[in-house]
PDB file of N, CA and C in Angstrom:
ATOM      1  N   GLN A   1      14.683   3.094 -14.058  1.00  0.00           N
ATOM      2  CA  GLN A   1      13.111   3.114 -13.702  1.00  0.00           C
ATOM      3  C   GLN A   1      12.034   2.223 -13.531  1.00  0.00           C
ATOM      4  N   ALA A   2      11.789   2.430 -12.088  1.00  0.00           N
ATOM      5  CA  ALA A   2      11.268   1.657 -11.061  1.00  0.00           C
ATOM      6  C   ALA A   2       9.893   1.163 -11.622  1.00  0.00           C
ATOM      7  N   GLN A   3       8.731  -0.260 -11.481  1.00  0.00           N
ATOM      8  CA  GLN A   3       7.696  -0.205 -12.533  1.00  0.00           C
ATOM      9  C   GLN A   3       7.137  -0.799 -11.070  1.00  0.00           C
ATOM     10  N   LEU A   4       5.348  -0.708 -10.962  1.00  0.00           N
ATOM     11  CA  LEU A   4       5.111  -1.228  -9.827  1.00  0.00           C
ATOM     12  C   LEU A   4       3.992  -1.924 -10.308  1.00  0.00           C
ATOM     13  N   VAL A   5       3.486  -3.445  -9.579  1.00  0.00           N
ATOM     14  CA  VAL A   5       2.048  -3.600 -10.547  1.00  0.00           C
ATOM     15  C   VAL A   5       1.687  -4.306  -9.096  1.00  0.00           C
ATOM     16  N   GLU A   6       0.737  -3.745  -9.141  1.00  0.00           N
ATOM     17  CA  GLU A   6      -0.230  -4.041  -8.277  1.00  0.00           C
ATOM     18  C   GLU A   6      -1.362  -5.354  -8.410  1.00  0.00           C
ATOM     19  N   SER A   7      -2.201  -6.485  -7.353  1.00  0.00           N
ATOM     20  CA  SER A   7      -2.806  -7.344  -7.433  1.00  0.00           C
ATOM     21  C   SER A   7      -3.417  -7.255  -6.341  1.00  0.00           C
ATOM     22  N   GLY A   8      -4.433  -8.121  -6.462  1.00  0.00           N
ATOM     23  CA  GLY A   8      -5.270  -9.003  -5.602  1.00  0.00           C
ATOM     24  C   GLY A   8      -6.415  -7.243  -4.626  1.00  0.00           C
ATOM     25  N   GLY A   9      -7.238  -6.983  -5.275  1.00  0.00           N
ATOM     26  CA  GLY A   9      -7.720  -5.987  -5.058  1.00  0.00           C
ATOM     27  C   GLY A   9      -9.257  -7.107  -5.632  1.00  0.00           C
ATOM     28  N   GLY A  10     -10.711  -6.596  -5.288  1.00  0.00           N
ATOM     29  CA  GLY A  10     -11.759  -7.549  -5.930  1.00  0.00           C
ATOM     30  C   GLY A  10     -13.040  -7.149  -4.470  1.00  0.00           C
ATOM     31  N   LEU A  11     -13.390  -7.751  -5.292  1.00  0.00           N
ATOM     32  CA  LEU A  11     -14.616  -7.042  -3.913  1.00  0.00           C
ATOM     33  C   LEU A  11     -15.420  -8.497  -2.547  1.00  0.00           C
ATOM     34  N   VAL A  12     -15.155  -7.912  -1.715  1.00  0.00           N
ATOM     35  CA  VAL A  12     -15.112  -8.108   0.012  1.00  0.00           C
ATOM     36  C   VAL A  12     -16.768  -7.879  -0.172  1.00  0.00           C
ATOM     37  N   GLN A  13     -17.294  -8.144   0.975  1.00  0.00           N
ATOM     38  CA  GLN A  13     -18.327  -8.077   2.153  1.00  0.00           C
ATOM     39  C   GLN A  13     -17.227  -7.741   3.600  1.00  0.00           C
ATOM     40  N   ALA A  14     -17.767  -7.382   4.037  1.00  0.00           N
ATOM     41  CA  ALA A  14     -18.123  -5.539   5.442  1.00  0.00           C
ATOM     42  C   ALA A  14     -17.247  -7.682   6.163  1.00  0.00           C
ATOM     43  N   GLY A  15     -16.154  -6.913   7.278  1.00  0.00           N
ATOM     44  CA  GLY A  15     -15.511  -7.955   8.030  1.00  0.00           C
ATOM     45  C   GLY A  15     -14.759  -8.776   7.236  1.00  0.00           C
ATOM     46  N   GLY A  16     -14.798  -8.905   6.165  1.00  0.00           N
ATOM     47  CA  GLY A  16     -13.488 -10.029   4.913  1.00  0.00           C
ATOM     48  C   GLY A  16     -12.344  -8.881   4.622  1.00  0.00           C
ATOM     49  N   SER A  17     -11.428  -9.743   4.375  1.00  0.00           N
ATOM     50  CA  SER A  17      -9.912 -10.218   4.262  1.00  0.00           C
ATOM     51  C   SER A  17      -9.954  -9.889   2.537  1.00  0.00           C
ATOM     52  N   LEU A  18      -8.704  -8.989   3.061  1.00  0.00           N
ATOM     53  CA  LEU A  18      -7.882  -9.101   1.026  1.00  0.00           C
ATOM     54  C   LEU A  18      -6.824  -8.890   1.635  1.00  0.00           C
ATOM     55  N   ARG A  19      -6.051  -9.139   0.766  1.00  0.00           N
ATOM     56  CA  ARG A  19      -4.192  -9.441   0.405  1.00  0.00           C
ATOM     57  C   ARG A  19      -3.526  -8.760  -0.869  1.00  0.00           C
ATOM     58  N   LEU A  20      -3.121  -7.164  -0.569  1.00  0.00           N
ATOM     59  CA  LEU A  20      -2.925  -7.168  -1.934  1.00  0.00           C
ATOM     60  C   LEU A  20      -1.124  -7.457  -2.232  1.00  0.00           C
ATOM     61  N   SER A  21      -1.070  -6.735  -3.436  1.00  0.00           N
ATOM     62  CA  SER A  21      -0.070  -7.020  -3.373  1.00  0.00           C
ATOM     63  C   SER A  21       1.154  -6.664  -4.711  1.00  0.00           C
ATOM     64  N   CYS A  22       2.149  -5.844  -4.413  1.00  0.00           N
ATOM     65  CA  CYS A  22       2.278  -5.234  -4.415  1.00  0.00           C
ATOM     66  C   CYS A  22       4.416  -5.158  -5.569  1.00  0.00           C
ATOM     67  N   THR A  23       4.092  -5.782  -6.883  1.00  0.00           N
ATOM     68  CA  THR A  23       6.015  -6.466  -6.949  1.00  0.00           C
ATOM     69  C   THR A  23       6.075  -5.006  -8.081  1.00  0.00           C
ATOM     70  N   GLY A  24       8.001  -4.685  -7.670  1.00  0.00           N
ATOM     71  CA  GLY A  24       8.663  -4.116  -7.778  1.00  0.00           C
ATOM     72  C   GLY A  24       9.173  -4.834  -8.248  1.00  0.00           C
ATOM     73  N   SER A  25      10.529  -3.903 -10.007  1.00  0.00           N
ATOM     74  CA  SER A  25      11.792  -4.030 -11.153  1.00  0.00           C
ATOM     75  C   SER A  25      11.717  -2.763 -11.126  1.00  0.00           C
ATOM     76  N   GLY A  26      13.230  -3.034 -11.186  1.00  0.00           N
ATOM     77  CA  GLY A  26      13.621  -2.437 -11.508  1.00  0.00           C
ATOM     78  C   GLY A  26      14.887  -2.199  -9.374  1.00  0.00           C
ATOM     79  N   ARG A  27      14.719  -2.577  -9.106  1.00  0.00           N
ATOM     80  CA  ARG A  27      14.963  -2.462  -7.518  1.00  0.00           C
ATOM     81  C   ARG A  27      14.056  -1.256  -6.766  1.00  0.00           C
ATOM     82  N   ALA A  28      12.715  -1.147  -6.751  1.00  0.00           N
ATOM     83  CA  ALA A  28      12.223  -0.274  -6.138  1.00  0.00           C
ATOM     84  C   ALA A  28      12.519  -0.046  -5.155  1.00  0.00           C
ATOM     85  N   PHE A  29      12.155  -1.597  -4.491  1.00  0.00           N
ATOM     86  CA  PHE A  29      11.398  -1.760  -3.042  1.00  0.00           C
ATOM     87  C   PHE A  29      13.359  -1.427  -2.286  1.00  0.00           C
ATOM     88  N   ILE A  30      14.564  -1.972  -3.286  1.00  0.00           N
ATOM     89  CA  ILE A  30      15.416  -2.352  -2.621  1.00  0.00           C
ATOM     90  C   ILE A  30      15.576  -1.311  -1.624  1.00  0.00           C
ATOM     91  N   SER A  31      15.718  -1.339  -0.374  1.00  0.00           N
ATOM     92  CA  SER A  31      16.256   0.289   0.546  1.00  0.00           C
ATOM     93  C   SER A  31      15.861   1.154   0.788  1.00  0.00           C
ATOM     94  N   ASN A  32      14.988   1.214  -0.023  1.00  0.00           N
ATOM     95  CA  ASN A  32      13.586   2.409  -0.446  1.00  0.00           C
ATOM     96  C   ASN A  32      12.147   2.077  -0.079  1.00  0.00           C
ATOM     97  N   ALA A  33      11.842   3.272   0.541  1.00  0.00           N
ATOM     98  CA  ALA A  33      10.745   3.334   1.944  1.00  0.00           C
ATOM     99  C   ALA A  33      10.470   3.070   0.999  1.00  0.00           C
ATOM    100  N   MET A  34       8.632   2.313   1.750  1.00  0.00           N
ATOM    101  CA  MET A  34       7.548   2.368   0.415  1.00  0.00           C
ATOM    102  C   MET A  34       5.985   1.760   1.608  1.00  0.00           C
ATOM    103  N   ALA A  35       5.170   1.974   0.581  1.00  0.00           N
ATOM    104  CA  ALA A  35       3.839   2.918   0.870  1.00  0.00           C
ATOM    105  C   ALA A  35       2.658   2.218   0.167  1.00  0.00           C
ATOM    106  N   TRP A  36       1.635   2.083   0.696  1.00  0.00           N
ATOM    107  CA  TRP A  36       0.123   1.898   0.130  1.00  0.00           C
ATOM    108  C   TRP A  36      -0.687   3.160   0.201  1.00  0.00           C
ATOM    109  N   PHE A  37      -1.230   3.329  -0.887  1.00  0.00           N
ATOM    110  CA  PHE A  37      -2.218   5.095  -0.887  1.00  0.00           C
ATOM    111  C   PHE A  37      -3.704   4.324  -1.095  1.00  0.00           C
ATOM    112  N   ARG A  38      -4.537   5.463  -0.846  1.00  0.00           N
ATOM    113  CA  ARG A  38      -5.360   4.911  -1.032  1.00  0.00           C
ATOM    114  C   ARG A  38      -6.895   6.152  -2.076  1.00  0.00           C
ATOM    115  N   GLN A  39      -7.238   6.041  -2.804  1.00  0.00           N
ATOM    116  CA  GLN A  39      -7.595   6.844  -3.523  1.00  0.00           C
ATOM    117  C   GLN A  39     -10.074   6.424  -3.695  1.00  0.00           C
ATOM    118  N   ALA A  40     -10.629   6.816  -3.178  1.00  0.00           N
ATOM    119  CA  ALA A  40     -11.920   6.914  -2.706  1.00  0.00           C
ATOM    120  C   ALA A  40     -12.682   7.793  -4.273  1.00  0.00           C
ATOM    121  N   PRO A  41     -13.804   7.564  -4.726  1.00  0.00           N
ATOM    122  CA  PRO A  41     -14.273   8.912  -5.805  1.00  0.00           C
ATOM    123  C   PRO A  41     -14.832  10.162  -4.779  1.00  0.00           C
ATOM    124  N   GLY A  42     -14.186  11.755  -5.499  1.00  0.00           N
ATOM    125  CA  GLY A  42     -14.129  12.046  -5.120  1.00  0.00           C
ATOM    126  C   GLY A  42     -12.498  12.709  -4.518  1.00  0.00           C
ATOM    127  N   ASN A  43     -12.069  11.784  -3.252  1.00  0.00           N
ATOM    128  CA  ASN A  43     -11.701  12.193  -2.390  1.00  0.00           C
ATOM    129  C   ASN A  43     -10.008  12.402  -3.036  1.00  0.00           C
ATOM    130  N   SER A  44      -8.756  12.569  -2.308  1.00  0.00           N
ATOM    131  CA  SER A  44      -8.198  12.617  -2.302  1.00  0.00           C
ATOM    132  C   SER A  44      -7.390  11.509  -1.919  1.00  0.00           C
ATOM    133  N   ARG A  45      -5.668  11.138  -2.569  1.00  0.00           N
ATOM    134  CA  ARG A  45      -4.869  10.484  -2.209  1.00  0.00           C
ATOM    135  C   ARG A  45      -5.249  10.442  -1.129  1.00  0.00           C
ATOM    136  N   GLU A  46      -5.507   8.992  -0.051  1.00  0.00           N
ATOM    137  CA  GLU A  46      -4.799   9.238   1.417  1.00  0.00           C
ATOM    138  C   GLU A  46      -3.759   8.068   1.531  1.00  0.00           C
ATOM    139  N   PHE A  47      -2.781   8.087   2.930  1.00  0.00           N
ATOM    140  CA  PHE A  47      -1.982   7.596   3.402  1.00  0.00           C
ATOM    141  C   PHE A  47      -3.099   6.148   4.224  1.00  0.00           C
ATOM    142  N   VAL A  48      -2.193   4.808   3.658  1.00  0.00           N
ATOM    143  CA  VAL A  48      -3.003   3.717   4.311  1.00  0.00           C
ATOM    144  C   VAL A  48      -1.610   2.898   5.584  1.00  0.00           C
ATOM    145  N   ALA A  49      -0.782   2.714   5.205  1.00  0.00           N
ATOM    146  CA  ALA A  49       0.186   1.865   5.530  1.00  0.00           C
ATOM    147  C   ALA A  49       1.915   1.811   4.564  1.00  0.00           C
ATOM    148  N   GLY A  50       3.320   2.534   5.194  1.00  0.00           N
ATOM    149  CA  GLY A  50       3.965   3.116   5.329  1.00  0.00           C
ATOM    150  C   GLY A  50       5.769   1.978   6.299  1.00  0.00           C
ATOM    151  N   LEU A  51       6.367   1.744   5.037  1.00  0.00           N
ATOM    152  CA  LEU A  51       7.238   1.520   5.239  1.00  0.00           C
ATOM    153  C   LEU A  51       8.562   1.155   5.609  1.00  0.00           C
ATOM    154  N   SER A  52       9.794   1.742   6.814  1.00  0.00           N
ATOM    155  CA  SER A  52      10.927   2.203   5.997  1.00  0.00           C
ATOM    156  C   SER A  52      11.904   0.875   5.149  1.00  0.00           C
ATOM    157  N   GLY A  53      13.019   1.805   4.487  1.00  0.00           N
ATOM    158  CA  GLY A  53      13.802   1.088   4.086  1.00  0.00           C
ATOM    159  C   GLY A  53      14.621  -0.192   4.786  1.00  0.00           C
ATOM    160  N   SER A  54      14.241   0.250   6.138  1.00  0.00           N
ATOM    161  CA  SER A  54      15.103  -1.320   6.930  1.00  0.00           C
ATOM    162  C   SER A  54      14.432  -1.661   6.844  1.00  0.00           C
ATOM    163  N   GLY A  55      13.054  -1.946   6.601  1.00  0.00           N
ATOM    164  CA  GLY A  55      12.090  -2.506   6.570  1.00  0.00           C
ATOM    165  C   GLY A  55      11.818  -2.784   8.624  1.00  0.00           C
ATOM    166  N   TRP A  56      12.007  -1.811   9.390  1.00  0.00           N
ATOM    167  CA  TRP A  56      12.459  -2.486   9.948  1.00  0.00           C
ATOM    168  C   TRP A  56      11.165  -1.564  11.641  1.00  0.00           C
ATOM    169  N   ILE A  57      10.534  -0.220  10.836  1.00  0.00           N
ATOM    170  CA  ILE A  57       9.268   0.614  10.928  1.00  0.00           C
ATOM    171  C   ILE A  57       8.419   1.615  10.638  1.00  0.00           C
ATOM    172  N   THR A  58       7.232   0.987  10.778  1.00  0.00           N
ATOM    173  CA  THR A  58       5.621   0.938  10.347  1.00  0.00           C
ATOM    174  C   THR A  58       4.778   1.799  10.740  1.00  0.00           C
ATOM    175  N   LYS A  59       3.891   2.247   9.466  1.00  0.00           N
ATOM    176  CA  LYS A  59       3.605   3.122   9.680  1.00  0.00           C
ATOM    177  C   LYS A  59       1.672   3.146   9.109  1.00  0.00           C
ATOM    178  N   TYR A  60       1.060   4.049   9.868  1.00  0.00           N
ATOM    179  CA  TYR A  60      -0.541   2.929   9.171  1.00  0.00           C
ATOM    180  C   TYR A  60      -1.614   4.409   9.931  1.00  0.00           C
ATOM    181  N   ALA A  61      -2.303   4.339   8.762  1.00  0.00           N
ATOM    182  CA  ALA A  61      -2.858   5.831   9.579  1.00  0.00           C
ATOM    183  C   ALA A  61      -4.578   5.484  10.623  1.00  0.00           C
ATOM    184  N   ASP A  62      -4.785   6.121  11.339  1.00  0.00           N
ATOM    185  CA  ASP A  62      -5.349   5.638  12.122  1.00  0.00           C
ATOM    186  C   ASP A  62      -6.890   4.868  11.798  1.00  0.00           C
ATOM    187  N   SER A  63      -6.174   4.756  10.330  1.00  0.00           N
ATOM    188  CA  SER A  63      -7.908   4.494  10.178  1.00  0.00           C
ATOM    189  C   SER A  63      -8.109   2.977  10.086  1.00  0.00           C
ATOM    190  N   VAL A  64      -7.118   2.258  10.172  1.00  0.00           N
ATOM    191  CA  VAL A  64      -6.282   1.248   9.778  1.00  0.00           C
ATOM    192  C   VAL A  64      -5.160  -0.051  11.086  1.00  0.00           C
ATOM    193  N   GLN A  65      -5.655   1.368  12.132  1.00  0.00           N
ATOM    194  CA  GLN A  65      -4.768   0.738  12.594  1.00  0.00           C
ATOM    195  C   GLN A  65      -5.281  -0.379  12.901  1.00  0.00           C
ATOM    196  N   GLY A  66      -3.936  -1.388  13.161  1.00  0.00           N
ATOM    197  CA  GLY A  66      -4.833  -2.468  13.968  1.00  0.00           C
ATOM    198  C   GLY A  66      -5.711  -3.860  13.210  1.00  0.00           C
ATOM    199  N   ARG A  67      -6.062  -3.377  11.635  1.00  0.00           N
ATOM    200  CA  ARG A  67      -6.252  -4.229  10.508  1.00  0.00           C
ATOM    201  C   ARG A  67      -5.537  -4.284   9.502  1.00  0.00           C
ATOM    202  N   PHE A  68      -4.583  -3.766   9.036  1.00  0.00           N
ATOM    203  CA  PHE A  68      -3.812  -3.084   8.267  1.00  0.00           C
ATOM    204  C   PHE A  68      -2.501  -3.850   8.592  1.00  0.00           C
ATOM    205  N   ARG A  69      -1.930  -4.974   8.018  1.00  0.00           N
ATOM    206  CA  ARG A  69      -0.421  -5.518   7.882  1.00  0.00           C
ATOM    207  C   ARG A  69       0.566  -5.178   6.522  1.00  0.00           C
ATOM    208  N   ILE A  70       1.634  -3.908   7.083  1.00  0.00           N
ATOM    209  CA  ILE A  70       1.859  -3.401   5.635  1.00  0.00           C
ATOM    210  C   ILE A  70       4.025  -4.697   5.870  1.00  0.00           C
ATOM    211  N   SER A  71       3.671  -5.910   4.370  1.00  0.00           N
ATOM    212  CA  SER A  71       5.249  -5.313   4.937  1.00  0.00           C
ATOM    213  C   SER A  71       5.362  -6.579   3.236  1.00  0.00           C
ATOM    214  N   THR A  72       6.789  -7.469   3.049  1.00  0.00           N
ATOM    215  CA  THR A  72       7.759  -7.517   2.186  1.00  0.00           C
ATOM    216  C   THR A  72       8.094  -8.302   2.378  1.00  0.00           C
ATOM    217  N   ASP A  73       8.639  -8.626   0.813  1.00  0.00           N
ATOM    218  CA  ASP A  73       9.116 -10.175   1.106  1.00  0.00           C
ATOM    219  C   ASP A  73      10.674 -10.340   1.712  1.00  0.00           C
ATOM    220  N   ASN A  74      11.254 -11.063   1.195  1.00  0.00           N
ATOM    221  CA  ASN A  74      12.779 -11.431   2.537  1.00  0.00           C
ATOM    222  C   ASN A  74      13.357 -10.782   1.145  1.00  0.00           C
ATOM    223  N   SER A  75      12.872 -10.823  -0.374  1.00  0.00           N
ATOM    224  CA  SER A  75      13.301 -10.271  -1.783  1.00  0.00           C
ATOM    225  C   SER A  75      13.451  -8.837  -1.555  1.00  0.00           C
ATOM    226  N   LYS A  76      12.429  -8.183  -0.996  1.00  0.00           N
ATOM    227  CA  LYS A  76      11.762  -7.153  -1.236  1.00  0.00           C
ATOM    228  C   LYS A  76      11.599  -6.389  -2.437  1.00  0.00           C
ATOM    229  N   THR A  77      11.177  -7.757  -3.115  1.00  0.00           N
ATOM    230  CA  THR A  77      10.764  -6.844  -4.949  1.00  0.00           C
ATOM    231  C   THR A  77       8.796  -7.381  -4.478  1.00  0.00           C
ATOM    232  N   THR A  78       8.681  -7.747  -3.371  1.00  0.00           N
ATOM    233  CA  THR A  78       6.897  -7.658  -3.149  1.00  0.00           C
ATOM    234  C   THR A  78       5.922  -7.227  -2.727  1.00  0.00           C
ATOM    235  N   ALA A  79       5.697  -6.256  -1.803  1.00  0.00           N
ATOM    236  CA  ALA A  79       5.417  -6.115  -0.991  1.00  0.00           C
ATOM    237  C   ALA A  79       4.425  -6.468  -1.093  1.00  0.00           C
ATOM    238  N   TYR A  80       3.058  -6.551   0.641  1.00  0.00           N
ATOM    239  CA  TYR A  80       1.760  -6.569   0.594  1.00  0.00           C
ATOM    240  C   TYR A  80       1.077  -5.980   1.915  1.00  0.00           C
ATOM    241  N   LEU A  81      -0.323  -5.897   0.948  1.00  0.00           N
ATOM    242  CA  LEU A  81      -0.877  -4.757   2.392  1.00  0.00           C
ATOM    243  C   LEU A  81      -2.083  -5.969   2.452  1.00  0.00           C
ATOM    244  N   GLN A  82      -1.653  -6.468   3.913  1.00  0.00           N
ATOM    245  CA  GLN A  82      -2.563  -7.872   4.660  1.00  0.00           C
ATOM    246  C   GLN A  82      -3.967  -6.292   4.931  1.00  0.00           C
ATOM    247  N   MET A  83      -5.577  -6.290   4.659  1.00  0.00           N
ATOM    248  CA  MET A  83      -6.159  -6.152   4.958  1.00  0.00           C
ATOM    249  C   MET A  83      -7.628  -7.239   5.593  1.00  0.00           C
ATOM    250  N   ASN A  84      -7.611  -6.970   7.031  1.00  0.00           N
ATOM    251  CA  ASN A  84      -8.824  -7.543   7.585  1.00  0.00           C
ATOM    252  C   ASN A  84      -9.794  -6.817   8.255  1.00  0.00           C
ATOM    253  N   SER A  85     -10.564  -7.147   8.818  1.00  0.00           N
ATOM    254  CA  SER A  85     -11.758  -6.224   9.080  1.00  0.00           C
ATOM    255  C   SER A  85     -12.080  -5.316   8.358  1.00  0.00           C
ATOM    256  N   LEU A  86     -12.412  -5.481   7.135  1.00  0.00           N
ATOM    257  CA  LEU A  86     -12.281  -4.834   6.269  1.00  0.00           C
ATOM    258  C   LEU A  86     -14.370  -3.819   6.245  1.00  0.00           C
ATOM    259  N   LYS A  87     -14.086  -2.581   6.122  1.00  0.00           N
ATOM    260  CA  LYS A  87     -15.283  -1.531   6.457  1.00  0.00           C
ATOM    261  C   LYS A  87     -15.625  -1.511   4.278  1.00  0.00           C
ATOM    262  N   PRO A  88     -17.314  -0.690   4.416  1.00  0.00           N
ATOM    263  CA  PRO A  88     -17.498  -0.202   3.202  1.00  0.00           C
ATOM    264  C   PRO A  88     -16.629   0.866   3.219  1.00  0.00           C
ATOM    265  N   GLU A  89     -16.342   1.524   4.334  1.00  0.00           N
ATOM    266  CA  GLU A  89     -15.020   2.771   4.216  1.00  0.00           C
ATOM    267  C   GLU A  89     -14.026   2.893   3.477  1.00  0.00           C
ATOM    268  N   ASP A  90     -13.212   1.263   3.232  1.00  0.00           N
ATOM    269  CA  ASP A  90     -12.785   1.005   2.716  1.00  0.00           C
ATOM    270  C   ASP A  90     -12.495   0.816   1.596  1.00  0.00           C
ATOM    271  N   THR A  91     -13.267   0.789   0.739  1.00  0.00           N
ATOM    272  CA  THR A  91     -13.894   0.984  -0.462  1.00  0.00           C
ATOM    273  C   THR A  91     -12.836   1.572  -1.211  1.00  0.00           C
ATOM    274  N   ALA A  92     -12.139   2.065  -2.597  1.00  0.00           N
ATOM    275  CA  ALA A  92     -11.410   2.724  -2.924  1.00  0.00           C
ATOM    276  C   ALA A  92     -10.194   2.129  -4.438  1.00  0.00           C
ATOM    277  N   VAL A  93      -9.941   2.898  -4.474  1.00  0.00           N
ATOM    278  CA  VAL A  93      -8.251   2.053  -5.548  1.00  0.00           C
ATOM    279  C   VAL A  93      -7.097   2.628  -4.481  1.00  0.00           C
ATOM    280  N   TYR A  94      -6.745   1.087  -4.582  1.00  0.00           N
ATOM    281  CA  TYR A  94      -5.411   1.018  -3.227  1.00  0.00           C
ATOM    282  C   TYR A  94      -3.907   0.925  -4.323  1.00  0.00           C
ATOM    283  N   TYR A  95      -3.496   1.734  -3.664  1.00  0.00           N
ATOM    284  CA  TYR A  95      -2.254   2.443  -4.719  1.00  0.00           C
ATOM    285  C   TYR A  95      -0.675   1.956  -3.905  1.00  0.00           C
ATOM    286  N   CYS A  96       0.115   1.138  -4.709  1.00  0.00           N
ATOM    287  CA  CYS A  96       1.557   1.275  -3.912  1.00  0.00           C
ATOM    288  C   CYS A  96       2.458   2.404  -4.737  1.00  0.00           C
ATOM    289  N   ALA A  97       3.606   2.488  -3.627  1.00  0.00           N
ATOM    290  CA  ALA A  97       4.742   4.303  -4.302  1.00  0.00           C
ATOM    291  C   ALA A  97       5.516   2.922  -3.471  1.00  0.00           C
ATOM    292  N   ALA A  98       7.063   3.721  -4.502  1.00  0.00           N
ATOM    293  CA  ALA A  98       8.654   3.792  -3.305  1.00  0.00           C
ATOM    294  C   ALA A  98       8.651   4.555  -4.074  1.00  0.00           C
ATOM    295  N   ARG A  99       9.373   5.347  -2.802  1.00  0.00           N
ATOM    296  CA  ARG A  99      10.752   6.268  -2.977  1.00  0.00           C
ATOM    297  C   ARG A  99      12.360   6.069  -3.746  1.00  0.00           C
ATOM    298  N   LYS A 100      12.413   7.067  -4.224  1.00  0.00           N
ATOM    299  CA  LYS A 100      14.069   6.301  -4.900  1.00  0.00           C
ATOM    300  C   LYS A 100      15.572   7.259  -4.089  1.00  0.00           C
ATOM    301  N   GLY A 101      15.968   6.101  -3.560  1.00  0.00           N
ATOM    302  CA  GLY A 101      16.810   6.684  -2.933  1.00  0.00           C
ATOM    303  C   GLY A 101      16.039   7.152  -1.244  1.00  0.00           C
ATOM    304  N   TYR A 102      15.234   7.018  -0.666  1.00  0.00           N
ATOM    305  CA  TYR A 102      15.628   7.543   0.452  1.00  0.00           C
ATOM    306  C   TYR A 102      14.593   6.145   1.418  1.00  0.00           C
ATOM    307  N   THR A 103      15.377   5.655   2.345  1.00  0.00           N
ATOM    308  CA  THR A 103      14.382   5.197   3.266  1.00  0.00           C
ATOM    309  C   THR A 103      13.773   5.184   4.449  1.00  0.00           C
ATOM    310  N   CYS A 104      13.647   6.844   4.882  1.00  0.00           N
ATOM    311  CA  CYS A 104      12.741   7.395   5.344  1.00  0.00           C
ATOM    312  C   CYS A 104      10.962   6.586   4.709  1.00  0.00           C
ATOM    313  N   LEU A 105      10.421   6.466   5.611  1.00  0.00           N
ATOM    314  CA  LEU A 105       8.923   6.663   5.180  1.00  0.00           C
ATOM    315  C   LEU A 105       8.499   8.155   4.716  1.00  0.00           C
ATOM    316  N   SER A 106       7.405   7.867   4.657  1.00  0.00           N
ATOM    317  CA  SER A 106       7.025   9.343   4.156  1.00  0.00           C
ATOM    318  C   SER A 106       5.366   9.683   4.609  1.00  0.00           C
ATOM    319  N   SER A 107       3.754  10.287   5.190  1.00  0.00           N
ATOM    320  CA  SER A 107       3.201   9.605   4.906  1.00  0.00           C
ATOM    321  C   SER A 107       2.485  10.768   2.957  1.00  0.00           C
ATOM    322  N   SER A 108       2.985  11.340   3.065  1.00  0.00           N
ATOM    323  CA  SER A 108       3.146  12.119   1.621  1.00  0.00           C
ATOM    324  C   SER A 108       3.325  11.884   0.564  1.00  0.00           C
ATOM    325  N   VAL A 109       2.085  12.439   0.004  1.00  0.00           N
ATOM    326  CA  VAL A 109       1.753  11.540  -1.525  1.00  0.00           C
ATOM    327  C   VAL A 109       3.488  12.519  -1.933  1.00  0.00           C
ATOM    328  N   ARG A 110       4.256  13.245  -2.103  1.00  0.00           N
ATOM    329  CA  ARG A 110       4.748  13.941  -2.898  1.00  0.00           C
ATOM    330  C   ARG A 110       5.467  13.650  -3.140  1.00  0.00           C
ATOM    331  N   ALA A 111       6.086  12.651  -1.795  1.00  0.00           N
ATOM    332  CA  ALA A 111       7.168  12.505  -1.535  1.00  0.00           C
ATOM    333  C   ALA A 111       7.956  10.707  -1.586  1.00  0.00           C
ATOM    334  N   TYR A 112       6.967   9.953  -2.773  1.00  0.00           N
ATOM    335  CA  TYR A 112       6.962   8.954  -3.736  1.00  0.00           C
ATOM    336  C   TYR A 112       7.132   9.290  -4.879  1.00  0.00           C
ATOM    337  N   ASP A 113       8.265   8.763  -5.607  1.00  0.00           N
ATOM    338  CA  ASP A 113       8.737   8.461  -6.927  1.00  0.00           C
ATOM    339  C   ASP A 113       8.108   7.659  -7.794  1.00  0.00           C
ATOM    340  N   TYR A 114       7.080   6.481  -6.963  1.00  0.00           N
ATOM    341  CA  TYR A 114       7.004   5.877  -8.212  1.00  0.00           C
ATOM    342  C   TYR A 114       5.823   5.296  -7.654  1.00  0.00           C
ATOM    343  N   TRP A 115       4.959   5.496  -8.861  1.00  0.00           N
ATOM    344  CA  TRP A 115       3.237   4.727  -8.990  1.00  0.00           C
ATOM    345  C   TRP A 115       2.892   2.659  -9.058  1.00  0.00           C
ATOM    346  N   GLY A 116       2.367   2.413  -8.680  1.00  0.00           N
ATOM    347  CA  GLY A 116       1.637   1.104  -9.071  1.00  0.00           C
ATOM    348  C   GLY A 116       0.173   2.095 -10.197  1.00  0.00           C
ATOM    349  N   GLN A 117      -0.105   1.462 -10.883  1.00  0.00           N
ATOM    350  CA  GLN A 117      -1.497   1.421 -11.626  1.00  0.00           C
ATOM    351  C   GLN A 117      -2.991   1.885 -10.289  1.00  0.00           C
ATOM    352  N   GLY A 118      -2.715   1.082 -10.050  1.00  0.00           N
ATOM    353  CA  GLY A 118      -3.462   0.515  -8.949  1.00  0.00           C
ATOM    354  C   GLY A 118      -5.332  -0.833  -8.401  1.00  0.00           C
ATOM    355  N   THR A 119      -5.332  -1.164  -8.245  1.00  0.00           N
ATOM    356  CA  THR A 119      -6.093  -2.164  -7.980  1.00  0.00           C
ATOM    357  C   THR A 119      -7.069  -1.510  -6.858  1.00  0.00           C
ATOM    358  N   GLN A 120      -8.561  -1.270  -7.438  1.00  0.00           N
ATOM    359  CA  GLN A 120     -10.069  -1.919  -6.641  1.00  0.00           C
ATOM    360  C   GLN A 120     -10.210  -2.647  -5.422  1.00  0.00           C
ATOM    361  N   VAL A 121     -10.191  -1.845  -4.625  1.00  0.00           N
ATOM    362  CA  VAL A 121     -11.369  -3.097  -2.911  1.00  0.00           C
ATOM    363  C   VAL A 121     -12.675  -2.714  -2.998  1.00  0.00           C
ATOM    364  N   THR A 122     -13.501  -3.350  -2.753  1.00  0.00           N
ATOM    365  CA  THR A 122     -14.419  -2.544  -3.036  1.00  0.00           C
ATOM    366  C   THR A 122     -15.305  -3.484  -2.068  1.00  0.00           C
ATOM    367  N   VAL A 123     -16.142  -2.788  -0.757  1.00  0.00           N
ATOM    368  CA  VAL A 123     -16.340  -3.257   0.255  1.00  0.00           C
ATOM    369  C   VAL A 123     -17.844  -3.111   0.387  1.00  0.00           C
ATOM    370  N   SER A 124     -18.362  -5.113   0.937  1.00  0.00           N
ATOM    371  CA  SER A 124     -20.078  -4.610   0.751  1.00  0.00           C
ATOM    372  C   SER A 124     -20.561  -4.231   2.197  1.00  0.00           C
ATOM    373  N   SER A 125     -22.040  -4.003   2.172  1.00  0.00           N
ATOM    374  CA  SER A 125     -22.892  -3.875   3.715  1.00  0.00           C
ATOM    375  C   SER A 125     -23.266  -4.655   3.350  1.00  0.00           C
TER     376      SER A 125
END
């Protein structure tokens, strides 16, 4: 059973940057697609960024394209979400997720089998 643990959230002013980390155990990421999602109060969980199992294909939500970057380390046990030019509307709990046995990335919540506990990101105006 894979486990995912996020870190790196916090409070930042608009225009600032944060880097979220997600450490996976149990081979959570190796050869599997993974993604970052976020959920703001009163909203459903939404896709932010995804990375295929090969590491060659990325996908971003339109709202973060050009500002956020998803990556993993060489061992593929830690995933990152570099967030730049943050806006108040980026405020949410951010979750990392991994698929089980699938290399293709998906923007659907239902496609992911493993989830972290979430980390709060708050962007002040």
